[in-house]
């Protein structure tokens, strides 16, 4: 089973526009085509951003949508606790993504963040765009 960390920006984009280019990432997760790996810091960041009025109001994200997402993560995901810190990214928040990937033995980090994509690969974990990940899933 393919194991991947979804960067927060990808999850939010997929929620905002399910019919867009990134939307299928969550659809493929619902189908059980891969397992999402996440950590408490990543979950906290996601919930913090989804609580912002500018995101909730503009994109009509309600509590029901957030609960459905949390249910999907619980069903098709694995919560991991990183055991080591890394400091390789310009933005320390991005290091949390790598820490979760390493702790969960993920093969991929799916992101649109140039600071992560520039790494291409870190300790065996490939940094890929949403489209590249969808191509990998077939």
N, C-alpha and C. Protein backbone atom coordinates (compact mmCIF):
# COMPACT_ATOMS: atom_id res chain seq x y z
N UNK A 1 0.85 -1.19 0.00
CA UNK A 1 0.00 0.00 0.00
C UNK A 1 0.89 1.24 0.00
N UNK A 2 0.58 2.15 -0.88
CA UNK A 2 1.31 3.42 -0.95
C UNK A 2 0.97 4.25 0.28
N UNK A 3 2.00 4.80 0.89
CA UNK A 3 1.86 5.65 2.08
C UNK A 3 2.34 7.05 1.71
N UNK A 4 1.52 8.05 2.03
CA UNK A 4 1.86 9.43 1.65
C UNK A 4 1.42 10.43 2.70
N UNK A 5 2.20 11.48 2.83
CA UNK A 5 1.82 12.64 3.64
C UNK A 5 1.26 13.68 2.68
N UNK A 6 0.11 14.22 3.02
CA UNK A 6 -0.47 15.31 2.24
C UNK A 6 -0.18 16.62 2.95
N UNK A 7 0.50 17.51 2.25
CA UNK A 7 0.76 18.83 2.82
C UNK A 7 -0.59 19.52 3.05
N UNK A 8 -0.65 20.35 4.06
CA UNK A 8 -1.89 21.03 4.45
C UNK A 8 -2.50 21.78 3.28
N UNK A 9 -1.68 22.43 2.48
CA UNK A 9 -2.21 23.22 1.37
C UNK A 9 -2.94 22.35 0.35
N UNK A 10 -2.51 21.12 0.20
CA UNK A 10 -3.15 20.20 -0.75
C UNK A 10 -4.51 19.77 -0.22
N UNK A 11 -4.60 19.45 1.05
CA UNK A 11 -5.87 19.03 1.64
C UNK A 11 -6.89 20.17 1.53
N UNK A 12 -6.47 21.37 1.84
CA UNK A 12 -7.38 22.51 1.79
C UNK A 12 -7.83 22.78 0.35
N UNK A 13 -6.89 22.74 -0.58
CA UNK A 13 -7.26 22.96 -1.99
C UNK A 13 -8.24 21.90 -2.47
N UNK A 14 -8.04 20.66 -2.06
CA UNK A 14 -8.94 19.57 -2.47
C UNK A 14 -10.33 19.74 -1.86
N UNK A 15 -10.39 20.26 -0.64
CA UNK A 15 -11.69 20.51 0.00
C UNK A 15 -12.42 21.68 -0.67
N UNK A 16 -11.67 22.72 -0.98
CA UNK A 16 -12.26 23.93 -1.55
C UNK A 16 -12.85 23.67 -2.93
N UNK A 17 -12.12 22.88 -3.72
CA UNK A 17 -12.54 22.66 -5.10
C UNK A 17 -12.42 21.18 -5.44
N UNK A 18 -13.39 20.36 -4.98
CA UNK A 18 -13.30 18.92 -5.19
C UNK A 18 -13.23 18.51 -6.67
N UNK A 19 -13.78 19.36 -7.54
CA UNK A 19 -13.76 19.03 -8.97
C UNK A 19 -12.51 19.59 -9.68
N UNK A 20 -11.63 20.24 -8.91
CA UNK A 20 -10.42 20.82 -9.50
C UNK A 20 -9.33 19.78 -9.70
N UNK A 21 -8.16 20.26 -10.05
CA UNK A 21 -7.04 19.36 -10.35
C UNK A 21 -6.52 18.62 -9.13
N UNK A 22 -6.71 19.20 -7.94
CA UNK A 22 -6.21 18.58 -6.71
C UNK A 22 -7.30 17.75 -6.02
N UNK A 23 -8.56 18.02 -6.32
CA UNK A 23 -9.68 17.32 -5.71
C UNK A 23 -9.58 15.81 -5.72
N UNK A 24 -9.12 15.20 -6.81
CA UNK A 24 -9.03 13.74 -6.86
C UNK A 24 -8.11 13.12 -5.80
N UNK A 25 -7.24 13.93 -5.21
CA UNK A 25 -6.36 13.41 -4.15
C UNK A 25 -7.21 12.86 -3.00
N UNK A 26 -8.23 13.60 -2.58
CA UNK A 26 -9.10 13.12 -1.51
C UNK A 26 -10.04 12.03 -2.01
N UNK A 27 -10.45 12.12 -3.26
CA UNK A 27 -11.30 11.07 -3.83
C UNK A 27 -10.58 9.73 -3.86
N UNK A 28 -9.33 9.74 -4.24
CA UNK A 28 -8.54 8.50 -4.27
C UNK A 28 -8.30 7.96 -2.86
N UNK A 29 -8.20 8.88 -1.88
CA UNK A 29 -8.06 8.46 -0.50
C UNK A 29 -9.35 7.77 -0.04
N UNK A 30 -10.50 8.38 -0.38
CA UNK A 30 -11.79 7.78 -0.02
C UNK A 30 -11.92 6.36 -0.58
N UNK A 31 -11.38 6.16 -1.78
CA UNK A 31 -11.43 4.85 -2.43
C UNK A 31 -10.46 3.84 -1.82
N UNK A 32 -9.58 4.31 -0.94
CA UNK A 32 -8.61 3.42 -0.33
C UNK A 32 -7.42 3.11 -1.22
N UNK A 33 -7.13 4.00 -2.17
CA UNK A 33 -6.03 3.78 -3.11
C UNK A 33 -4.66 4.03 -2.49
N UNK A 34 -4.62 4.66 -1.35
CA UNK A 34 -3.37 4.88 -0.61
C UNK A 34 -3.72 5.16 0.84
N UNK A 35 -2.71 5.15 1.67
CA UNK A 35 -2.89 5.46 3.10
C UNK A 35 -2.23 6.81 3.37
N UNK A 36 -2.96 7.69 4.02
CA UNK A 36 -2.38 8.99 4.36
C UNK A 36 -1.75 8.91 5.75
N UNK A 37 -0.57 9.44 5.85
CA UNK A 37 0.18 9.48 7.11
C UNK A 37 0.14 10.92 7.60
N UNK A 38 -0.18 11.11 8.88
CA UNK A 38 -0.20 12.47 9.41
C UNK A 38 0.21 12.44 10.88
N UNK A 39 0.62 13.60 11.36
CA UNK A 39 1.04 13.74 12.76
C UNK A 39 0.13 14.77 13.42
N UNK A 40 0.19 14.84 14.73
CA UNK A 40 -0.62 15.82 15.45
C UNK A 40 -0.29 17.25 15.04
N UNK A 41 1.01 17.61 14.88
CA UNK A 41 1.29 18.98 14.42
C UNK A 41 0.68 19.30 13.05
N UNK A 42 0.66 18.34 12.15
CA UNK A 42 0.06 18.57 10.83
C UNK A 42 -1.46 18.70 10.95
N UNK A 43 -2.06 17.87 11.79
CA UNK A 43 -3.50 17.94 12.01
C UNK A 43 -3.87 19.27 12.66
N UNK A 44 -3.08 19.70 13.62
CA UNK A 44 -3.33 20.99 14.28
C UNK A 44 -3.25 22.14 13.28
N UNK A 45 -2.25 22.10 12.40
CA UNK A 45 -2.11 23.14 11.38
C UNK A 45 -3.31 23.16 10.45
N UNK A 46 -3.74 21.98 10.03
CA UNK A 46 -4.89 21.88 9.14
C UNK A 46 -6.14 22.46 9.79
N UNK A 47 -6.41 22.06 11.02
CA UNK A 47 -7.60 22.55 11.72
C UNK A 47 -7.53 24.05 11.98
N UNK A 48 -6.33 24.54 12.28
CA UNK A 48 -6.14 25.97 12.50
C UNK A 48 -6.47 26.76 11.23
N UNK A 49 -5.99 26.27 10.09
CA UNK A 49 -6.25 26.98 8.83
C UNK A 49 -7.71 26.87 8.42
N UNK A 50 -8.32 25.71 8.66
CA UNK A 50 -9.72 25.54 8.31
C UNK A 50 -10.65 26.35 9.21
N UNK A 51 -10.15 26.79 10.35
CA UNK A 51 -10.96 27.61 11.28
C UNK A 51 -10.88 29.10 10.94
N UNK A 52 -9.97 29.48 10.06
CA UNK A 52 -9.83 30.90 9.71
C UNK A 52 -11.09 31.40 9.02
N UNK A 53 -11.68 32.50 9.50
CA UNK A 53 -12.90 33.02 8.87
C UNK A 53 -12.72 33.30 7.37
N UNK A 54 -11.54 33.77 6.99
CA UNK A 54 -11.35 34.09 5.57
C UNK A 54 -11.41 32.85 4.70
N UNK A 55 -11.09 31.70 5.23
CA UNK A 55 -11.20 30.45 4.46
C UNK A 55 -12.62 29.87 4.61
N UNK A 56 -13.11 29.80 5.84
CA UNK A 56 -14.46 29.25 6.09
C UNK A 56 -15.53 30.01 5.33
N UNK A 57 -15.48 31.33 5.42
CA UNK A 57 -16.52 32.15 4.81
C UNK A 57 -16.41 32.17 3.29
N UNK A 58 -15.22 32.39 2.80
CA UNK A 58 -15.03 32.51 1.35
C UNK A 58 -15.38 31.22 0.63
N UNK A 59 -15.00 30.07 1.22
CA UNK A 59 -15.18 28.79 0.53
C UNK A 59 -16.33 27.95 1.10
N UNK A 60 -17.10 28.54 2.01
CA UNK A 60 -18.27 27.87 2.57
C UNK A 60 -17.93 26.51 3.20
N UNK A 61 -16.89 26.50 4.01
CA UNK A 61 -16.50 25.28 4.72
C UNK A 61 -17.16 25.32 6.10
N UNK A 62 -18.03 24.34 6.34
CA UNK A 62 -18.73 24.31 7.62
C UNK A 62 -18.20 23.18 8.51
N UNK A 63 -18.74 23.11 9.72
CA UNK A 63 -18.30 22.09 10.67
C UNK A 63 -18.50 20.68 10.12
N UNK A 64 -19.58 20.48 9.39
CA UNK A 64 -19.87 19.16 8.81
C UNK A 64 -18.78 18.73 7.84
N UNK A 65 -18.30 19.66 7.02
CA UNK A 65 -17.23 19.35 6.06
C UNK A 65 -15.93 19.01 6.79
N UNK A 66 -15.63 19.74 7.85
CA UNK A 66 -14.42 19.47 8.64
C UNK A 66 -14.54 18.11 9.32
N UNK A 67 -15.72 17.81 9.87
CA UNK A 67 -15.93 16.51 10.52
C UNK A 67 -15.80 15.37 9.52
N UNK A 68 -16.30 15.57 8.31
CA UNK A 68 -16.19 14.53 7.27
C UNK A 68 -14.72 14.30 6.92
N UNK A 69 -13.95 15.37 6.85
CA UNK A 69 -12.52 15.23 6.57
C UNK A 69 -11.83 14.47 7.70
N UNK A 70 -12.13 14.81 8.94
CA UNK A 70 -11.52 14.12 10.08
C UNK A 70 -11.91 12.64 10.08
N UNK A 71 -13.13 12.35 9.69
CA UNK A 71 -13.56 10.96 9.59
C UNK A 71 -12.79 10.21 8.53
N UNK A 72 -12.56 10.87 7.39
CA UNK A 72 -11.78 10.26 6.31
C UNK A 72 -10.35 9.99 6.77
N UNK A 73 -9.76 10.94 7.46
CA UNK A 73 -8.39 10.74 7.96
C UNK A 73 -8.34 9.59 8.96
N UNK A 74 -9.35 9.49 9.81
CA UNK A 74 -9.38 8.40 10.78
C UNK A 74 -9.54 7.05 10.09
N UNK A 75 -10.34 7.02 9.03
CA UNK A 75 -10.62 5.78 8.31
C UNK A 75 -9.46 5.34 7.42
N UNK A 76 -8.89 6.27 6.71
CA UNK A 76 -7.89 5.94 5.68
C UNK A 76 -6.50 6.47 6.01
N UNK A 77 -6.28 6.80 7.27
CA UNK A 77 -4.99 7.37 7.64
C UNK A 77 -4.37 6.71 8.84
N UNK A 78 -3.16 7.12 9.08
CA UNK A 78 -2.42 6.65 10.24
C UNK A 78 -1.79 7.84 10.94
N UNK A 79 -2.16 8.03 12.20
CA UNK A 79 -1.58 9.08 13.01
C UNK A 79 -0.25 8.58 13.55
N UNK A 80 0.82 9.32 13.27
CA UNK A 80 2.15 8.91 13.73
C UNK A 80 2.72 9.97 14.67
N UNK A 81 3.64 9.53 15.50
CA UNK A 81 4.34 10.44 16.40
C UNK A 81 5.80 10.46 15.99
N UNK A 82 6.24 11.56 15.38
CA UNK A 82 7.65 11.63 14.98
C UNK A 82 8.59 11.46 16.16
N UNK A 83 9.63 10.68 15.94
CA UNK A 83 10.58 10.41 17.03
C UNK A 83 11.86 11.21 16.89
N UNK A 84 12.00 11.88 15.75
CA UNK A 84 13.19 12.71 15.58
C UNK A 84 12.85 14.00 14.87
N UNK A 85 13.66 15.00 15.17
CA UNK A 85 13.50 16.31 14.54
C UNK A 85 14.43 16.41 13.35
N UNK A 86 13.96 17.10 12.32
CA UNK A 86 14.83 17.42 11.19
C UNK A 86 14.80 18.94 11.02
N UNK A 87 15.85 19.46 10.46
CA UNK A 87 15.93 20.90 10.20
C UNK A 87 16.59 21.11 8.85
N UNK A 88 15.81 20.88 7.79
CA UNK A 88 16.37 21.00 6.45
C UNK A 88 15.65 22.04 5.59
N UNK A 89 14.47 22.46 6.02
CA UNK A 89 13.68 23.39 5.21
C UNK A 89 13.86 24.83 5.69
N UNK A 90 13.69 25.72 4.76
CA UNK A 90 13.76 27.15 5.07
C UNK A 90 12.66 27.52 6.06
N UNK A 91 11.48 26.93 5.87
CA UNK A 91 10.35 27.16 6.76
C UNK A 91 10.26 25.98 7.73
N UNK A 92 10.44 26.23 9.02
CA UNK A 92 10.40 25.14 10.01
C UNK A 92 9.09 24.34 10.00
N UNK A 93 7.98 24.97 9.58
CA UNK A 93 6.72 24.23 9.48
C UNK A 93 6.82 23.09 8.47
N UNK A 94 7.64 23.28 7.45
CA UNK A 94 7.82 22.24 6.44
C UNK A 94 8.59 21.05 7.01
N UNK A 95 9.44 21.29 7.99
CA UNK A 95 10.17 20.19 8.62
C UNK A 95 9.20 19.21 9.27
N UNK A 96 8.07 19.70 9.78
CA UNK A 96 7.06 18.83 10.41
C UNK A 96 6.49 17.83 9.39
N UNK A 97 6.40 18.25 8.15
CA UNK A 97 5.91 17.36 7.09
C UNK A 97 6.90 16.22 6.89
N UNK A 98 8.17 16.57 6.83
CA UNK A 98 9.22 15.54 6.66
C UNK A 98 9.28 14.61 7.87
N UNK A 99 9.13 15.17 9.06
CA UNK A 99 9.17 14.35 10.28
C UNK A 99 8.04 13.32 10.28
N UNK A 100 6.86 13.75 9.85
CA UNK A 100 5.72 12.82 9.78
C UNK A 100 5.98 11.74 8.72
N UNK A 101 6.52 12.14 7.58
CA UNK A 101 6.80 11.18 6.52
C UNK A 101 7.80 10.12 6.99
N UNK A 102 8.84 10.55 7.67
CA UNK A 102 9.84 9.61 8.16
C UNK A 102 9.25 8.69 9.23
N UNK A 103 8.49 9.26 10.15
CA UNK A 103 7.90 8.46 11.23
C UNK A 103 6.91 7.43 10.70
N UNK A 104 6.20 7.79 9.64
CA UNK A 104 5.20 6.89 9.08
C UNK A 104 5.68 6.07 7.92
N UNK A 105 6.98 6.13 7.65
CA UNK A 105 7.57 5.38 6.53
C UNK A 105 6.81 5.63 5.23
N UNK A 106 6.49 6.89 5.01
CA UNK A 106 5.79 7.27 3.78
C UNK A 106 6.76 7.28 2.61
N UNK A 107 6.26 6.93 1.47
CA UNK A 107 7.07 6.98 0.26
C UNK A 107 7.02 8.33 -0.42
N UNK A 108 5.95 9.10 -0.09
CA UNK A 108 5.72 10.36 -0.80
C UNK A 108 5.24 11.46 0.15
N UNK A 109 5.63 12.68 -0.21
CA UNK A 109 5.01 13.88 0.34
C UNK A 109 4.37 14.57 -0.85
N UNK A 110 3.07 14.78 -0.77
CA UNK A 110 2.33 15.43 -1.85
C UNK A 110 2.17 16.89 -1.47
N UNK A 111 2.75 17.76 -2.29
CA UNK A 111 2.81 19.17 -1.93
C UNK A 111 2.86 20.06 -3.17
N UNK A 112 2.48 21.29 -2.96
CA UNK A 112 2.67 22.32 -3.97
C UNK A 112 3.70 23.33 -3.52
N UNK A 113 4.29 23.08 -2.36
CA UNK A 113 5.25 24.00 -1.73
C UNK A 113 6.62 23.85 -2.39
N UNK A 114 7.07 24.93 -3.00
CA UNK A 114 8.37 24.90 -3.70
C UNK A 114 9.52 24.57 -2.76
N UNK A 115 9.41 24.99 -1.49
CA UNK A 115 10.49 24.71 -0.54
C UNK A 115 10.64 23.21 -0.27
N UNK A 116 9.56 22.46 -0.37
CA UNK A 116 9.64 21.00 -0.23
C UNK A 116 9.97 20.35 -1.57
N UNK A 117 9.34 20.81 -2.63
CA UNK A 117 9.57 20.20 -3.94
C UNK A 117 11.03 20.29 -4.38
N UNK A 118 11.72 21.35 -3.98
CA UNK A 118 13.11 21.52 -4.38
C UNK A 118 14.00 20.42 -3.80
N UNK A 119 13.56 19.80 -2.71
CA UNK A 119 14.34 18.71 -2.12
C UNK A 119 14.32 17.46 -3.01
N UNK A 120 13.26 17.31 -3.78
CA UNK A 120 13.03 16.16 -4.66
C UNK A 120 12.93 14.84 -3.90
N UNK A 121 13.92 14.56 -3.04
CA UNK A 121 13.90 13.32 -2.25
C UNK A 121 14.64 13.59 -0.95
N UNK A 122 14.10 13.08 0.15
CA UNK A 122 14.76 13.22 1.44
C UNK A 122 14.67 11.89 2.17
N UNK A 123 15.82 11.30 2.40
CA UNK A 123 15.92 10.02 3.09
C UNK A 123 14.92 9.00 2.56
N UNK A 124 14.83 8.93 1.25
CA UNK A 124 13.97 7.94 0.60
C UNK A 124 12.55 8.38 0.36
N UNK A 125 12.16 9.55 0.86
CA UNK A 125 10.80 10.05 0.67
C UNK A 125 10.81 11.01 -0.52
N UNK A 126 9.98 10.73 -1.51
CA UNK A 126 9.90 11.58 -2.70
C UNK A 126 8.91 12.71 -2.50
N UNK A 127 9.31 13.92 -2.90
CA UNK A 127 8.44 15.09 -2.88
C UNK A 127 7.80 15.18 -4.26
N UNK A 128 6.47 15.15 -4.32
CA UNK A 128 5.79 15.15 -5.61
C UNK A 128 4.63 16.14 -5.61
N UNK A 129 4.31 16.61 -6.79
CA UNK A 129 3.14 17.47 -6.97
C UNK A 129 1.88 16.60 -6.94
N UNK A 130 0.73 17.21 -6.74
CA UNK A 130 -0.52 16.42 -6.76
C UNK A 130 -0.68 15.64 -8.07
N UNK A 131 -0.39 16.28 -9.20
CA UNK A 131 -0.56 15.59 -10.49
C UNK A 131 0.40 14.40 -10.61
N UNK A 132 1.64 14.57 -10.17
CA UNK A 132 2.60 13.47 -10.22
C UNK A 132 2.12 12.32 -9.33
N UNK A 133 1.55 12.65 -8.17
CA UNK A 133 1.05 11.60 -7.27
C UNK A 133 -0.12 10.87 -7.91
N UNK A 134 -1.04 11.60 -8.53
CA UNK A 134 -2.16 10.95 -9.21
C UNK A 134 -1.66 10.05 -10.34
N UNK A 135 -0.62 10.47 -11.04
CA UNK A 135 -0.02 9.63 -12.08
C UNK A 135 0.56 8.36 -11.48
N UNK A 136 1.20 8.48 -10.32
CA UNK A 136 1.79 7.32 -9.63
C UNK A 136 0.68 6.33 -9.24
N UNK A 137 -0.44 6.87 -8.77
CA UNK A 137 -1.55 6.01 -8.37
C UNK A 137 -2.19 5.32 -9.58
N UNK A 138 -2.00 5.90 -10.76
CA UNK A 138 -2.51 5.28 -11.98
C UNK A 138 -3.92 5.63 -12.33
